[in-house]
Amino acid sequence: MPGTGELYVRRGGYVDLPSRFTDHAGSFRANRSGAFIDWADGTECRPVRAGDYAGNYASRFGSKIDAVGNTC
């Protein structure tokens, strides 16, 4: 079942997330490899691969994510 929240599509490269997504990623589906980055509380990075997904990400790294990029 698809989510009902707002969708953010990354086109590549490093991007600070818009404020409405910062620390509020409820779920994700990765169509390409990349990295989820938390820079507000230091620097923590989680690699993702094409095909990765999570339906309840807000209780995990989704509550910390600040940016996305190509690699950690």
Protein backbone atom coordinates (compact mmCIF):
# COMPACT_ATOMS: atom_id res chain seq x y z
CA MET A 1 0.00 0.00 0.00
CA PRO A 2 1.49 3.39 -0.93
CA GLY A 3 2.04 5.96 1.77
CA THR A 4 -0.20 8.97 2.14
CA GLY A 5 2.44 11.54 3.07
CA GLU A 6 4.25 14.03 0.90
CA LEU A 7 6.84 12.66 -1.54
CA TYR A 8 10.42 13.95 -1.86
CA VAL A 9 12.40 12.94 -4.95
CA ARG A 10 16.18 13.36 -4.95
CA ARG A 11 17.72 13.99 -8.35
CA GLY A 12 21.31 13.22 -7.29
CA GLY A 13 24.20 14.87 -5.49
CA TYR A 14 24.18 16.21 -1.94
CA VAL A 15 20.99 17.97 -0.83
CA ASP A 16 19.92 19.38 2.53
CA LEU A 17 16.32 18.26 2.92
CA PRO A 18 13.55 20.85 2.92
CA SER A 19 12.53 21.68 6.51
CA ARG A 20 9.26 19.75 6.26
CA PHE A 21 11.29 16.53 5.77
CA THR A 22 14.16 17.23 8.19
CA ASP A 23 13.86 14.73 11.06
CA HIS A 24 10.49 13.64 9.64
CA ALA A 25 11.02 10.83 7.12
CA GLY A 26 8.23 8.37 7.86
CA SER A 27 9.12 5.92 5.10
CA PHE A 28 11.32 5.60 2.04
CA ARG A 29 11.85 3.61 -1.12
CA ALA A 30 15.29 3.94 -2.74
CA ASN A 31 15.38 3.83 -6.52
CA ARG A 32 19.14 4.42 -6.57
CA SER A 33 22.05 4.00 -4.18
CA GLY A 34 22.87 6.90 -1.93
CA ALA A 35 23.21 8.04 1.66
CA PHE A 36 21.00 9.43 4.41
CA ILE A 37 22.88 11.97 6.53
CA ASP A 38 22.35 13.43 10.01
CA TRP A 39 24.57 16.48 10.43
CA ALA A 40 22.61 18.30 13.17
CA ASP A 41 23.83 16.01 15.98
CA GLY A 42 27.32 15.43 14.64
CA THR A 43 27.71 13.48 11.45
CA GLU A 44 26.11 10.10 11.05
CA CYS A 45 25.52 8.51 7.68
CA ARG A 46 23.47 5.52 6.57
CA PRO A 47 24.10 4.05 3.12
CA VAL A 48 21.08 2.94 1.09
CA ARG A 49 20.97 0.80 -2.03
CA ALA A 50 18.53 0.70 -4.91
CA GLY A 51 15.59 -1.41 -3.79
CA ASP A 52 15.91 -0.61 -0.07
CA TYR A 53 12.71 0.50 1.63
CA ALA A 54 11.17 1.00 5.06
CA GLY A 55 7.53 1.52 5.86
CA ASN A 56 8.05 2.80 9.42
CA TYR A 57 11.28 4.77 9.24
CA ALA A 58 10.20 7.57 11.62
CA SER A 59 11.01 5.41 14.63
CA ARG A 60 14.53 4.82 13.27
CA PHE A 61 16.92 7.07 11.30
CA GLY A 62 13.97 8.95 9.76
CA SER A 63 13.71 10.95 12.98
CA LYS A 64 17.31 12.17 12.52
CA ILE A 65 17.77 12.63 8.75
CA ASP A 66 18.88 16.10 7.59
CA ALA A 67 20.30 15.50 4.11
CA VAL A 68 20.76 12.98 1.32
CA GLY A 69 23.80 12.40 -0.83
CA ASN A 70 25.55 10.02 -3.18
CA THR A 71 27.83 8.35 -0.60
CA CYS A 72 28.70 8.41 3.09
